N, C-alpha and C. Protein backbone atom coordinates (compact mmCIF):
# COMPACT_ATOMS: atom_id res chain seq x y z
N UNK A 1 83.60 87.67 -59.49
CA UNK A 1 83.60 86.24 -59.37
C UNK A 1 83.78 85.25 -60.41
N UNK A 2 84.60 84.59 -60.46
CA UNK A 2 84.33 83.38 -61.94
C UNK A 2 83.31 82.25 -61.73
N UNK A 3 82.25 82.33 -62.87
CA UNK A 3 81.25 81.73 -62.94
C UNK A 3 81.65 80.10 -63.43
N UNK A 4 81.11 79.36 -62.70
CA UNK A 4 81.67 77.90 -63.04
C UNK A 4 81.18 77.09 -64.21
N UNK A 5 80.17 77.83 -64.68
CA UNK A 5 79.14 77.33 -65.58
C UNK A 5 80.08 77.84 -67.05
N UNK A 6 80.73 79.05 -67.01
CA UNK A 6 81.32 79.66 -67.93
C UNK A 6 82.26 79.21 -69.05
N UNK A 7 82.62 79.64 -69.91
CA UNK A 7 83.97 78.52 -70.73
C UNK A 7 84.90 79.47 -70.34
N UNK A 8 85.88 78.75 -70.81
CA UNK A 8 87.50 79.38 -70.03
C UNK A 8 87.70 80.25 -71.21
N UNK A 9 88.67 81.24 -70.75
CA UNK A 9 88.51 82.41 -71.67
C UNK A 9 88.97 81.95 -73.17
N UNK A 10 90.28 80.87 -73.17
CA UNK A 10 91.09 80.55 -74.16
C UNK A 10 90.20 79.59 -75.04
N UNK A 11 88.84 79.33 -74.82
CA UNK A 11 88.54 78.35 -75.50
C UNK A 11 87.55 78.52 -76.78
N UNK A 12 87.83 77.55 -77.61
CA UNK A 12 87.38 78.23 -78.81
C UNK A 12 85.83 78.03 -78.84
N UNK A 13 84.86 78.91 -79.61
CA UNK A 13 83.55 78.86 -79.77
C UNK A 13 83.09 77.50 -80.54
N UNK A 14 81.99 76.93 -80.12
CA UNK A 14 81.62 75.75 -80.90
C UNK A 14 81.41 75.86 -82.41
N UNK A 15 82.24 75.39 -83.70
CA UNK A 15 81.50 75.50 -84.84
C UNK A 15 81.21 74.57 -85.38
N UNK A 16 79.89 74.45 -85.68
CA UNK A 16 78.60 73.40 -86.21
C UNK A 16 79.41 73.03 -87.73
N UNK A 17 79.68 71.82 -87.81
CA UNK A 17 79.66 71.59 -89.09
C UNK A 17 78.36 70.30 -89.39
N UNK A 18 78.21 69.74 -90.57
CA UNK A 18 77.19 69.45 -91.02
C UNK A 18 77.85 68.42 -92.52
N UNK A 19 77.45 67.32 -92.59
CA UNK A 19 78.21 65.93 -93.35
C UNK A 19 77.32 65.06 -94.20
N UNK A 20 78.13 64.88 -95.22
CA UNK A 20 77.27 63.83 -95.89
C UNK A 20 78.62 62.82 -96.18
N UNK A 21 78.23 61.21 -96.67
CA UNK A 21 78.78 60.42 -96.42
C UNK A 21 78.78 59.63 -98.56
N UNK A 22 79.83 59.33 -99.26
CA UNK A 22 80.18 59.34 -100.65
C UNK A 22 80.54 57.75 -100.36
N UNK A 23 79.57 57.04 -100.89
CA UNK A 23 79.83 55.89 -100.75
C UNK A 23 81.32 55.16 -101.88
N UNK A 24 82.22 54.38 -101.63
CA UNK A 24 82.69 53.99 -102.47
C UNK A 24 82.97 52.66 -102.37
N UNK A 25 83.39 51.76 -103.08
CA UNK A 25 83.60 50.21 -103.75
C UNK A 25 85.11 49.91 -103.43
N UNK A 26 84.87 49.08 -102.32
CA UNK A 26 86.55 48.73 -101.81
C UNK A 26 87.06 47.86 -103.19
N UNK A 27 86.47 46.79 -103.91
CA UNK A 27 86.46 45.76 -104.96
C UNK A 27 86.59 44.42 -104.12
N UNK A 28 86.23 44.57 -102.95
CA UNK A 28 86.35 43.26 -102.22
C UNK A 28 85.15 42.56 -102.75
N UNK A 29 84.55 41.86 -102.61
CA UNK A 29 83.70 40.80 -102.60
C UNK A 29 83.25 39.29 -102.30
N UNK A 30 82.10 39.03 -101.72
CA UNK A 30 82.23 37.59 -100.90
C UNK A 30 80.95 37.01 -101.61
N UNK A 31 80.80 36.04 -101.99
CA UNK A 31 79.54 35.31 -102.34
C UNK A 31 79.24 34.08 -101.19
N UNK A 32 80.14 33.93 -100.73
CA UNK A 32 79.83 32.52 -99.89
C UNK A 32 80.46 33.45 -98.12
N UNK A 33 80.36 32.22 -97.24
CA UNK A 33 80.57 32.76 -95.82
C UNK A 33 82.09 32.66 -96.04
N UNK A 34 82.76 31.99 -96.39
CA UNK A 34 84.64 31.96 -96.30
C UNK A 34 84.90 32.74 -97.26
N UNK A 35 84.35 33.17 -98.29
CA UNK A 35 84.78 34.46 -99.04
C UNK A 35 84.58 35.71 -98.21
N UNK A 36 83.84 35.57 -97.13
CA UNK A 36 83.28 36.65 -96.18
C UNK A 36 84.06 37.12 -95.22
N UNK A 37 84.65 35.95 -94.96
CA UNK A 37 85.58 35.92 -93.72
C UNK A 37 87.25 36.38 -94.42
N UNK A 38 87.35 36.04 -95.53
CA UNK A 38 88.65 36.47 -96.07
C UNK A 38 88.14 38.11 -96.80
N UNK A 39 87.12 38.25 -97.18
CA UNK A 39 87.43 39.91 -97.46
C UNK A 39 87.33 40.37 -96.41
N UNK A 40 86.94 40.40 -95.36
CA UNK A 40 87.01 40.82 -94.08
C UNK A 40 88.53 41.36 -93.77
N UNK A 41 89.18 40.59 -94.26
CA UNK A 41 90.56 40.61 -94.29
C UNK A 41 91.45 41.73 -94.66
N UNK A 42 90.70 41.65 -96.00
CA UNK A 42 91.39 42.35 -96.90
C UNK A 42 90.86 43.98 -97.24
N UNK A 43 89.64 43.96 -96.85
CA UNK A 43 88.72 45.25 -96.72
C UNK A 43 89.85 46.08 -96.02
N UNK A 44 89.57 47.59 -96.11
CA UNK A 44 89.91 48.75 -95.26
C UNK A 44 89.27 48.95 -94.31
N UNK A 45 89.71 49.40 -93.33
CA UNK A 45 89.57 49.68 -91.72
C UNK A 45 88.21 50.17 -92.10
N UNK A 46 87.60 51.22 -92.79
CA UNK A 46 87.16 52.11 -93.28
C UNK A 46 86.11 51.49 -93.30
N UNK A 47 85.88 50.15 -93.70
CA UNK A 47 84.66 49.57 -94.21
C UNK A 47 83.73 49.24 -93.42
N UNK A 48 84.15 48.72 -91.65
CA UNK A 48 83.52 48.40 -90.92
C UNK A 48 82.95 49.76 -90.25
N UNK A 49 83.21 50.52 -90.11
CA UNK A 49 82.58 51.90 -90.04
C UNK A 49 81.39 52.30 -91.17
N UNK A 50 81.35 52.08 -92.20
CA UNK A 50 80.42 51.95 -93.26
C UNK A 50 79.11 51.05 -93.13
N UNK A 51 79.83 49.70 -92.66
CA UNK A 51 78.69 48.74 -92.47
C UNK A 51 78.13 48.44 -91.03
N UNK A 52 78.97 49.40 -90.21
CA UNK A 52 78.21 49.44 -88.71
C UNK A 52 77.38 50.76 -88.45
N UNK A 53 77.64 51.94 -89.11
CA UNK A 53 77.30 52.87 -89.17
C UNK A 53 76.54 53.83 -90.46
N UNK A 54 77.21 53.53 -91.40
CA UNK A 54 76.68 54.24 -92.50
C UNK A 54 75.27 54.47 -92.95
N UNK A 55 74.70 53.43 -92.37
CA UNK A 55 73.34 53.82 -92.41
C UNK A 55 72.64 54.19 -91.83
N UNK A 56 72.83 54.95 -91.08
CA UNK A 56 71.65 56.29 -90.19
C UNK A 56 71.98 57.03 -91.43
N UNK A 57 72.72 57.48 -92.14
CA UNK A 57 72.60 58.75 -93.07
C UNK A 57 72.09 58.22 -94.46
N UNK A 58 71.62 56.89 -94.44
CA UNK A 58 71.72 56.32 -95.95
C UNK A 58 69.95 56.27 -95.59
N UNK A 59 69.20 56.99 -96.84
CA UNK A 59 67.63 56.73 -96.92
C UNK A 59 67.23 55.19 -96.49
N UNK A 60 66.23 54.74 -95.56
CA UNK A 60 66.09 53.41 -95.31
C UNK A 60 64.71 53.50 -95.74
N UNK A 61 63.92 52.94 -96.67
CA UNK A 61 62.88 52.85 -97.19
C UNK A 61 61.70 51.66 -96.35
N UNK A 62 62.88 50.43 -95.91
CA UNK A 62 61.97 49.59 -94.54
C UNK A 62 62.75 49.92 -93.52
N UNK A 63 62.16 49.25 -92.31
CA UNK A 63 62.49 49.22 -90.97
C UNK A 63 63.38 47.62 -90.98
N UNK A 64 64.87 48.11 -90.98
CA UNK A 64 66.01 46.93 -91.05
C UNK A 64 65.72 45.99 -90.07
N UNK A 65 65.79 44.50 -90.32
CA UNK A 65 65.94 43.58 -89.15
C UNK A 65 66.98 43.61 -88.27
N UNK A 66 68.00 43.84 -89.10
CA UNK A 66 69.36 43.94 -88.44
C UNK A 66 69.75 45.18 -88.02
N UNK A 67 70.53 45.41 -87.20
CA UNK A 67 71.45 46.73 -86.88
C UNK A 67 72.83 47.18 -87.71
N UNK A 68 73.28 46.03 -88.80
CA UNK A 68 74.45 46.62 -89.24
C UNK A 68 74.33 45.61 -90.58
N UNK A 69 75.12 46.11 -91.54
CA UNK A 69 74.96 45.55 -92.57
C UNK A 69 75.15 44.52 -92.67
N UNK A 70 76.27 43.74 -91.75
CA UNK A 70 77.02 42.23 -91.86
C UNK A 70 76.10 41.32 -91.25
N UNK A 71 75.06 41.77 -90.66
CA UNK A 71 73.94 40.87 -89.55
C UNK A 71 72.93 41.30 -91.00
N UNK A 72 72.60 41.78 -91.81
CA UNK A 72 72.03 41.42 -92.56
C UNK A 72 71.65 40.86 -94.01
N UNK A 73 73.31 40.65 -94.23
CA UNK A 73 73.64 39.74 -95.31
C UNK A 73 73.47 38.59 -94.73
N UNK A 74 74.06 38.28 -93.52
CA UNK A 74 74.03 36.64 -93.24
C UNK A 74 72.65 36.23 -93.61
N UNK A 75 71.32 36.81 -92.75
CA UNK A 75 70.16 36.92 -92.88
C UNK A 75 69.24 36.17 -94.51
N UNK A 76 69.91 37.70 -95.40
CA UNK A 76 68.98 37.89 -96.52
C UNK A 76 70.36 36.80 -97.47
N UNK A 77 71.39 36.81 -97.49
CA UNK A 77 72.00 36.39 -98.77
C UNK A 77 72.38 35.15 -98.47
N UNK A 78 72.81 34.76 -97.03
CA UNK A 78 72.87 33.21 -96.49
C UNK A 78 72.28 32.65 -96.45
N UNK A 79 71.12 33.50 -95.75
CA UNK A 79 69.84 32.55 -94.74
C UNK A 79 70.32 31.70 -93.71
N UNK A 80 71.44 32.26 -92.92
CA UNK A 80 71.69 31.79 -91.58
C UNK A 80 71.18 32.99 -90.42
N UNK A 81 70.50 32.80 -90.09
CA UNK A 81 69.60 33.45 -89.14
C UNK A 81 70.21 33.07 -87.57
N UNK A 82 70.96 32.47 -87.27
CA UNK A 82 72.29 32.31 -85.89
C UNK A 82 73.31 32.97 -86.46
N UNK A 83 74.13 32.96 -87.56
CA UNK A 83 75.23 33.78 -87.58
C UNK A 83 74.68 35.17 -87.93
N UNK A 84 73.42 35.45 -88.42
CA UNK A 84 72.91 37.12 -88.24
C UNK A 84 72.84 38.23 -87.09
N UNK A 85 72.11 36.62 -86.05
CA UNK A 85 71.80 37.22 -84.70
C UNK A 85 72.83 37.17 -84.09
N UNK A 86 74.23 36.60 -84.04
CA UNK A 86 75.63 36.86 -83.44
C UNK A 86 75.81 38.48 -84.07
N UNK A 87 75.96 38.15 -85.03
CA UNK A 87 76.24 39.62 -85.40
C UNK A 87 75.97 40.86 -85.32
N UNK A 88 74.60 40.55 -84.96
CA UNK A 88 73.68 41.81 -84.77
C UNK A 88 74.08 42.28 -83.13
N UNK A 89 74.46 41.18 -82.37
CA UNK A 89 74.82 41.24 -80.58
C UNK A 89 75.80 42.15 -80.98
N UNK A 90 77.04 42.42 -81.75
CA UNK A 90 78.08 42.84 -81.42
C UNK A 90 78.33 44.72 -81.86
N UNK A 91 78.53 45.09 -80.63
CA UNK A 91 78.46 47.05 -80.57
C UNK A 91 79.44 47.44 -80.72
N UNK A 92 79.58 48.05 -81.84
CA UNK A 92 80.70 48.67 -82.02
C UNK A 92 81.52 49.99 -80.76
N UNK A 93 80.78 50.09 -80.48
CA UNK A 93 80.98 51.21 -79.35
C UNK A 93 81.93 50.54 -77.67
N UNK A 94 81.95 48.97 -77.66
CA UNK A 94 82.24 48.68 -76.68
C UNK A 94 83.92 47.96 -77.32
N UNK A 95 84.50 48.67 -78.43
CA UNK A 95 86.16 48.11 -78.60
C UNK A 95 86.88 49.34 -79.12
N UNK A 96 87.67 49.46 -78.74
CA UNK A 96 88.85 50.40 -78.16
C UNK A 96 88.98 51.43 -79.52
N UNK A 97 89.31 50.31 -80.90
CA UNK A 97 89.20 50.73 -82.23
C UNK A 97 88.80 49.62 -83.28
N UNK A 98 88.85 50.27 -84.63
CA UNK A 98 88.47 49.15 -85.54
C UNK A 98 89.12 48.20 -85.72
N UNK A 99 90.19 47.56 -85.28
CA UNK A 99 91.11 46.32 -85.54
C UNK A 99 90.54 45.84 -84.56
N UNK A 100 90.09 46.17 -83.63
CA UNK A 100 89.57 44.86 -82.09
C UNK A 100 88.04 44.84 -82.56
N UNK A 101 87.16 45.19 -83.23
CA UNK A 101 85.76 45.23 -83.97
C UNK A 101 86.14 44.07 -84.75
N UNK A 102 87.39 44.56 -85.54
CA UNK A 102 87.14 43.91 -86.74
C UNK A 102 87.43 42.16 -86.23
N UNK A 103 88.40 42.27 -85.27
CA UNK A 103 88.66 40.62 -84.76
C UNK A 103 87.29 40.10 -84.01
N UNK A 104 87.02 40.90 -83.34
CA UNK A 104 85.47 40.03 -82.61
C UNK A 104 84.45 39.32 -84.23
N UNK A 105 84.46 40.21 -85.03
CA UNK A 105 83.74 39.90 -86.27
C UNK A 105 84.45 38.44 -86.81
N UNK A 106 85.65 39.01 -86.98
CA UNK A 106 86.47 37.19 -88.05
C UNK A 106 86.10 36.14 -86.45
N UNK A 107 86.25 36.76 -85.55
CA UNK A 107 86.09 34.93 -83.99
C UNK A 107 84.79 34.75 -84.52
N UNK A 108 83.77 35.62 -84.93
CA UNK A 108 82.08 34.91 -85.14
C UNK A 108 82.11 34.37 -86.56
N UNK A 109 82.88 34.72 -87.08
CA UNK A 109 82.65 34.60 -88.29
C UNK A 109 83.30 32.79 -88.67
N UNK A 110 84.64 33.01 -87.68
CA UNK A 110 85.14 31.57 -88.10
C UNK A 110 84.72 30.27 -87.21
N UNK A 111 84.14 30.96 -86.14
CA UNK A 111 83.43 29.95 -85.23
C UNK A 111 81.92 29.17 -86.11
N UNK A 112 81.52 30.51 -86.93
CA UNK A 112 80.53 29.36 -87.38
C UNK A 112 80.72 28.96 -88.76
N UNK A 113 81.95 28.97 -89.18
CA UNK A 113 82.50 27.89 -89.89
C UNK A 113 83.02 26.65 -89.97
N UNK A 114 83.48 27.05 -88.46
CA UNK A 114 83.62 25.29 -87.50
C UNK A 114 82.47 24.69 -87.57
N UNK A 115 81.50 25.36 -87.42
CA UNK A 115 80.23 24.54 -86.93
C UNK A 115 79.39 24.27 -87.96
N UNK A 116 79.42 24.66 -89.71
CA UNK A 116 78.55 24.32 -90.17
C UNK A 116 79.76 23.36 -91.35
N UNK A 117 78.93 22.24 -91.90
CA UNK A 117 79.32 21.08 -92.50
C UNK A 117 79.84 21.68 -93.80
N UNK A 118 79.43 22.48 -94.30
CA UNK A 118 79.17 23.00 -95.54
C UNK A 118 78.58 24.60 -95.81
N UNK A 119 79.48 24.78 -96.37
CA UNK A 119 79.76 26.27 -96.34
C UNK A 119 78.71 27.19 -97.14
N UNK A 120 77.82 27.82 -96.28
CA UNK A 120 76.61 28.28 -96.90
C UNK A 120 77.07 29.47 -98.20
N UNK A 121 76.36 29.75 -99.02
CA UNK A 121 76.41 30.35 -100.14
C UNK A 121 75.02 31.28 -100.46
N UNK A 122 75.17 32.68 -100.99
CA UNK A 122 74.35 33.57 -101.07
C UNK A 122 73.97 33.13 -102.93
N UNK A 123 72.57 33.83 -103.51
CA UNK A 123 72.83 33.64 -104.76
C UNK A 123 73.41 34.27 -105.35
N UNK A 124 73.41 34.02 -107.04
CA UNK A 124 74.45 35.29 -107.62
C UNK A 124 74.13 36.56 -107.24
N UNK A 125 72.71 37.36 -107.44
CA UNK A 125 72.57 38.60 -107.17
C UNK A 125 73.10 38.80 -105.96
N UNK A 126 73.07 38.05 -104.87
CA UNK A 126 73.30 38.68 -103.27
C UNK A 126 74.34 38.82 -102.78
N UNK A 127 75.48 38.93 -103.92
CA UNK A 127 77.11 39.14 -103.26
C UNK A 127 76.77 40.22 -101.96
N UNK A 128 77.93 39.74 -101.17
CA UNK A 128 78.07 41.16 -100.64
C UNK A 128 79.38 42.05 -100.91
N UNK A 129 79.20 43.08 -100.88
CA UNK A 129 80.12 43.89 -101.51
C UNK A 129 81.12 45.25 -100.59
N UNK A 130 82.28 44.80 -99.89
CA UNK A 130 82.69 45.57 -98.95
C UNK A 130 82.65 46.93 -99.58
N UNK A 131 81.82 47.55 -98.66
CA UNK A 131 82.26 49.12 -99.06
C UNK A 131 82.91 49.99 -98.01
N UNK A 132 83.25 51.15 -98.33
CA UNK A 132 83.33 52.10 -96.95
C UNK A 132 82.66 53.85 -97.77
N UNK A 133 83.24 54.95 -96.77
CA UNK A 133 82.67 55.88 -97.16
C UNK A 133 83.93 57.27 -96.86
N UNK A 134 83.42 57.73 -97.50
CA UNK A 134 84.28 59.27 -97.71
C UNK A 134 83.07 60.33 -97.20
N UNK A 135 83.56 60.66 -95.84
CA UNK A 135 83.08 61.83 -95.21
C UNK A 135 83.07 63.13 -96.01
N UNK A 136 82.03 63.84 -96.33
CA UNK A 136 82.26 65.29 -97.14
C UNK A 136 81.80 66.34 -96.16
N UNK A 137 82.21 66.90 -95.24
CA UNK A 137 82.22 68.40 -94.29
C UNK A 137 81.66 69.40 -94.84
N UNK A 138 80.82 70.19 -94.46
CA UNK A 138 80.12 71.21 -94.86
C UNK A 138 80.09 72.28 -93.35
N UNK A 139 80.88 73.47 -93.70
CA UNK A 139 80.84 74.85 -92.97
C UNK A 139 79.12 74.98 -92.83
N UNK A 140 78.18 75.43 -91.45
CA UNK A 140 77.06 75.83 -91.64
C UNK A 140 77.41 77.27 -91.32
N UNK A 141 78.69 77.85 -90.67
CA UNK A 141 78.73 79.01 -90.20
C UNK A 141 78.12 79.47 -89.12
N UNK A 142 77.58 78.51 -88.36
CA UNK A 142 76.98 78.77 -86.94
C UNK A 142 78.04 78.32 -86.04
N UNK A 143 78.40 79.41 -84.92
CA UNK A 143 79.65 79.53 -83.73
C UNK A 143 78.53 79.54 -82.77
N UNK A 144 79.03 78.85 -81.58
CA UNK A 144 78.21 78.93 -80.24
C UNK A 144 79.46 79.19 -79.14
N UNK A 145 79.54 80.07 -78.80
CA UNK A 145 80.16 80.72 -77.58
C UNK A 145 80.82 80.03 -76.39
N UNK A 146 79.13 79.34 -76.28
CA UNK A 146 79.02 78.85 -75.21
C UNK A 146 78.12 77.90 -74.59
N UNK A 147 77.78 77.00 -73.85
CA UNK A 147 76.44 76.26 -73.94
C UNK A 147 75.67 76.64 -73.95
N UNK A 148 75.17 77.39 -73.21
CA UNK A 148 73.82 78.49 -73.07
C UNK A 148 73.26 78.72 -74.61
N UNK A 149 74.41 79.35 -75.20
CA UNK A 149 74.14 79.38 -76.66
C UNK A 149 73.63 78.22 -77.81
N UNK A 150 74.82 77.58 -77.61
CA UNK A 150 74.57 75.87 -78.07
C UNK A 150 72.73 74.96 -78.03
N UNK A 151 72.61 74.97 -76.59
CA UNK A 151 71.33 74.90 -76.00
C UNK A 151 70.21 74.44 -77.36
N UNK A 152 69.81 76.20 -77.46
CA UNK A 152 68.57 76.06 -78.20
C UNK A 152 68.30 75.85 -79.60
N UNK A 153 69.73 75.20 -80.05
CA UNK A 153 69.71 75.40 -81.67
C UNK A 153 69.82 74.16 -81.97
N UNK A 154 69.97 73.05 -80.76
CA UNK A 154 70.53 71.54 -80.91
C UNK A 154 69.53 71.08 -81.38
N UNK A 155 68.21 71.04 -81.16
CA UNK A 155 66.99 70.59 -81.80
C UNK A 155 66.60 70.78 -83.72
N UNK A 156 67.25 71.46 -84.07
CA UNK A 156 67.42 71.96 -84.96
C UNK A 156 68.69 72.00 -85.84
N UNK A 157 69.27 71.54 -85.27
CA UNK A 157 70.22 70.42 -86.14
C UNK A 157 70.29 69.68 -87.25
N UNK A 158 70.87 69.71 -88.51
CA UNK A 158 70.36 68.39 -88.99
C UNK A 158 71.10 67.20 -88.88
N UNK A 159 70.71 65.46 -89.15
CA UNK A 159 71.00 64.59 -88.84
C UNK A 159 72.58 64.69 -89.15
N UNK A 160 72.81 65.39 -90.49
CA UNK A 160 74.52 65.47 -90.56
C UNK A 160 75.30 65.71 -89.83
N UNK A 161 74.83 66.81 -89.02
CA UNK A 161 75.59 67.74 -88.23
C UNK A 161 75.43 66.72 -87.04
N UNK A 162 74.13 66.17 -86.58
CA UNK A 162 74.62 64.81 -85.47
C UNK A 162 75.62 64.07 -85.59
N UNK A 163 75.92 63.53 -87.20
CA UNK A 163 76.65 62.42 -87.35
C UNK A 163 77.79 62.61 -87.44
N UNK A 164 77.89 63.89 -87.64
CA UNK A 164 79.74 64.67 -88.41
C UNK A 164 80.07 64.46 -86.02
N UNK A 165 79.15 64.92 -85.23
CA UNK A 165 79.83 65.22 -84.29
C UNK A 165 79.39 64.38 -83.13
N UNK A 166 78.74 63.50 -83.41
CA UNK A 166 78.63 62.18 -82.33
C UNK A 166 78.83 60.75 -83.01
N UNK A 167 79.32 60.79 -83.94
CA UNK A 167 79.71 59.28 -84.87
C UNK A 167 81.02 59.24 -84.97
N UNK A 168 81.26 60.74 -86.40
CA UNK A 168 82.26 60.52 -86.30
C UNK A 168 83.26 61.02 -86.21
N UNK A 169 83.09 61.87 -84.82
CA UNK A 169 84.60 62.51 -84.14
C UNK A 169 85.03 61.70 -83.38
N UNK A 170 84.21 60.09 -82.96
CA UNK A 170 84.87 58.89 -82.31
C UNK A 170 86.16 58.68 -83.24
N UNK A 171 86.61 59.01 -84.44
CA UNK A 171 87.33 58.33 -84.93
C UNK A 171 88.73 59.63 -85.39
N UNK A 172 87.83 61.07 -85.03
CA UNK A 172 88.84 61.91 -84.82
C UNK A 172 89.68 62.53 -83.78
N UNK A 173 88.86 62.38 -82.61
CA UNK A 173 89.09 62.69 -81.38
C UNK A 173 90.30 61.79 -80.41
N UNK A 174 91.48 62.95 -80.19
CA UNK A 174 91.91 61.74 -79.44
C UNK A 174 91.29 60.68 -78.04
N UNK A 175 90.53 61.46 -77.86
CA UNK A 175 89.72 61.03 -76.74
C UNK A 175 88.69 59.92 -77.01
N UNK A 176 88.53 59.60 -77.85
CA UNK A 176 87.62 58.88 -78.80
C UNK A 176 86.65 58.91 -78.37
N UNK A 177 86.03 60.73 -78.37
CA UNK A 177 84.37 60.12 -77.86
C UNK A 177 84.00 61.79 -78.41
N UNK A 178 82.89 62.30 -78.81
CA UNK A 178 82.27 63.01 -79.48
C UNK A 178 82.46 64.52 -79.28
N UNK A 179 82.35 65.61 -80.38
CA UNK A 179 82.99 66.69 -80.25
C UNK A 179 82.22 67.09 -79.21
N UNK A 180 80.76 66.96 -78.26
CA UNK A 180 80.50 68.07 -77.83
C UNK A 180 80.66 68.13 -76.59
N UNK A 181 81.45 66.15 -76.09
CA UNK A 181 81.82 66.56 -74.83
C UNK A 181 83.13 67.44 -74.79
N UNK A 182 84.01 66.75 -75.85
CA UNK A 182 85.41 67.31 -75.85
C UNK A 182 85.41 68.84 -75.56
N UNK A 183 84.53 69.92 -76.47
CA UNK A 183 84.14 70.67 -76.23
C UNK A 183 83.67 70.97 -74.19
N UNK A 184 82.83 70.62 -74.43
CA UNK A 184 82.23 71.18 -72.79
C UNK A 184 83.47 70.77 -71.72
N UNK A 185 83.89 69.97 -71.97
CA UNK A 185 84.73 70.14 -70.66
C UNK A 185 85.72 71.24 -70.11
N UNK A 186 85.99 72.00 -71.21
CA UNK A 186 86.68 73.45 -70.93
C UNK A 186 85.30 74.84 -70.64
N UNK A 187 84.27 74.33 -70.32
CA UNK A 187 82.91 75.42 -70.19
C UNK A 187 82.73 75.05 -68.39
N UNK A 188 83.33 75.01 -67.60
CA UNK A 188 82.92 74.97 -66.36
C UNK A 188 82.56 73.90 -65.82
N UNK A 189 82.48 73.56 -64.45
CA UNK A 189 82.28 72.74 -63.74
C UNK A 189 80.88 71.96 -64.46
N UNK A 190 79.87 72.70 -64.80
CA UNK A 190 78.81 72.03 -65.66
C UNK A 190 78.71 71.67 -66.81
N UNK A 191 79.83 72.23 -67.55
CA UNK A 191 80.33 71.64 -68.48
C UNK A 191 80.85 70.02 -68.59
N UNK A 192 81.69 70.19 -67.88
CA UNK A 192 82.11 68.91 -67.14
C UNK A 192 81.03 67.83 -66.90
N UNK A 193 80.04 68.39 -66.32
CA UNK A 193 79.40 67.02 -65.71
C UNK A 193 78.41 66.75 -67.02
N UNK A 194 78.24 68.30 -68.02
CA UNK A 194 77.54 67.91 -68.74
C UNK A 194 78.37 66.44 -69.84
N UNK A 195 79.24 66.62 -70.09
CA UNK A 195 80.19 66.11 -70.93
C UNK A 195 80.18 64.58 -70.34
N UNK A 196 80.40 64.42 -69.13
CA UNK A 196 80.07 63.09 -68.74
C UNK A 196 79.00 62.19 -68.54
N UNK A 197 77.97 63.20 -68.60
CA UNK A 197 76.38 62.47 -69.41
C UNK A 197 76.68 62.13 -70.34
N UNK A 198 77.27 62.88 -71.46
CA UNK A 198 76.78 63.02 -72.69
C UNK A 198 78.00 61.58 -73.39
N UNK A 199 79.51 61.07 -72.62
CA UNK A 199 79.81 60.07 -72.76
C UNK A 199 79.23 58.86 -73.02
N UNK A 200 78.34 58.80 -71.69
CA UNK A 200 77.88 58.01 -71.31
C UNK A 200 77.06 57.21 -72.22
N UNK A 201 76.24 58.35 -73.21
CA UNK A 201 75.32 57.96 -74.10
C UNK A 201 75.99 56.83 -74.98
N UNK A 202 75.52 55.43 -75.88
CA UNK A 202 75.35 54.64 -76.43
C UNK A 202 74.95 54.89 -77.92
N UNK A 203 75.31 55.36 -78.69
CA UNK A 203 74.35 56.05 -79.89
C UNK A 203 74.30 54.56 -80.77
N UNK A 204 74.59 53.35 -80.93
CA UNK A 204 74.23 52.48 -82.08
C UNK A 204 73.19 51.78 -81.55
N UNK A 205 72.51 52.12 -81.01
CA UNK A 205 70.87 51.65 -81.11
C UNK A 205 70.07 52.94 -81.27
N UNK A 206 70.33 53.84 -81.22
CA UNK A 206 69.29 55.24 -81.61
C UNK A 206 69.22 55.65 -82.80
N UNK A 207 68.50 56.26 -83.62
CA UNK A 207 68.51 56.78 -84.51
C UNK A 207 69.28 58.11 -84.80
N UNK A 208 69.71 58.99 -85.47
CA UNK A 208 69.98 60.48 -85.70
C UNK A 208 68.99 61.37 -85.06
N UNK A 209 68.03 61.03 -85.27
CA UNK A 209 66.58 62.11 -85.11
C UNK A 209 66.39 61.88 -83.61
N UNK A 210 66.64 60.61 -82.69
CA UNK A 210 66.75 59.99 -81.78
C UNK A 210 68.03 60.75 -80.86
N UNK A 211 68.81 60.34 -81.23
CA UNK A 211 69.92 60.81 -80.77
C UNK A 211 69.94 62.61 -80.96
N UNK A 212 69.47 63.29 -81.58
CA UNK A 212 69.15 64.68 -81.43
C UNK A 212 68.27 65.06 -80.33
N UNK A 213 67.55 64.31 -80.51
CA UNK A 213 66.62 64.41 -78.79
C UNK A 213 67.25 64.30 -77.43
N UNK A 214 67.80 63.36 -77.75
CA UNK A 214 68.70 63.13 -76.37
C UNK A 214 69.59 64.16 -75.95
N UNK A 215 70.45 64.26 -77.07
CA UNK A 215 71.65 65.42 -76.96
C UNK A 215 71.13 66.56 -76.37
N UNK A 216 69.99 66.85 -77.53
CA UNK A 216 69.10 68.41 -76.86
C UNK A 216 68.64 68.24 -75.56
N UNK A 217 68.30 67.17 -75.08
CA UNK A 217 67.64 67.48 -73.84
C UNK A 217 68.49 67.35 -72.41
N UNK A 218 69.73 66.64 -72.77
CA UNK A 218 70.80 66.80 -71.28
C UNK A 218 71.08 68.47 -71.65
N UNK A 219 71.66 69.29 -72.86
CA UNK A 219 72.20 70.17 -72.71
C UNK A 219 70.58 71.24 -72.11
N UNK A 220 69.60 70.66 -72.24
CA UNK A 220 68.50 71.71 -71.97
C UNK A 220 68.45 71.49 -70.06
N UNK A 221 69.03 69.97 -69.44
CA UNK A 221 68.68 70.25 -68.44
C UNK A 221 69.97 70.77 -67.45
N UNK A 222 70.96 70.70 -68.06
CA UNK A 222 72.00 71.46 -68.00
C UNK A 222 72.24 73.52 -67.77
N UNK A 223 71.79 73.39 -68.85
CA UNK A 223 71.85 74.90 -69.06
C UNK A 223 70.20 75.27 -69.84
N UNK A 224 69.36 75.33 -68.71
CA UNK A 224 68.09 75.91 -69.10
C UNK A 224 68.07 77.37 -69.33
N UNK A 225 68.96 78.04 -69.60
CA UNK A 225 68.60 79.61 -69.40
C UNK A 225 67.77 79.97 -70.34
N UNK A 226 68.44 79.89 -71.44
CA UNK A 226 68.21 80.56 -73.12
C UNK A 226 67.31 79.14 -73.70
N UNK A 227 67.09 78.19 -72.97
CA UNK A 227 66.24 77.12 -74.11
C UNK A 227 64.89 77.52 -73.98
């Protein structure tokens, strides 16, 4: 009798990867709000991922007041709290692709430029540099043949693995979803049920450590046998 929780025969094992980010300068800089808007048009689309998501893997020596680099610079560089708050409210997971996200940010910047009589400037040492990241992937060698096999290992995965499989995957998969969910759809009814729950997680407002706990907790709920 077929076990509905078992992986399909043709499914590949889940290959656990790790990653690190190499930061690269785009050469595009901004000293004021107008240049910032123009820079956003010139910078590569990958810059959006870096400035919205990259801080998850960067060392943080203090608790950032805002959750993306654009909002942080609007406050710390331009001292425009209104703009910072508007940019901080942008949730990248609400947009189907990077271009749609860029258009939303551009609209906020243009609206703020229309509202201001004077274009706000940053100090000379407070330029905004548009950066992007190269993802360097490492194979951990860990292979899991079933969700029951993966579940007890999740809490020990590195934050780099969580970033690669849950954040970076959204740009790599046709479903624009995390690697876990894509794999789980071939793991029987329980796997598909867990995939549906995983796809409902919005990772933007959580740290990678918090995401790891959430993911592990869901796996343990659906596949408790070996946890």
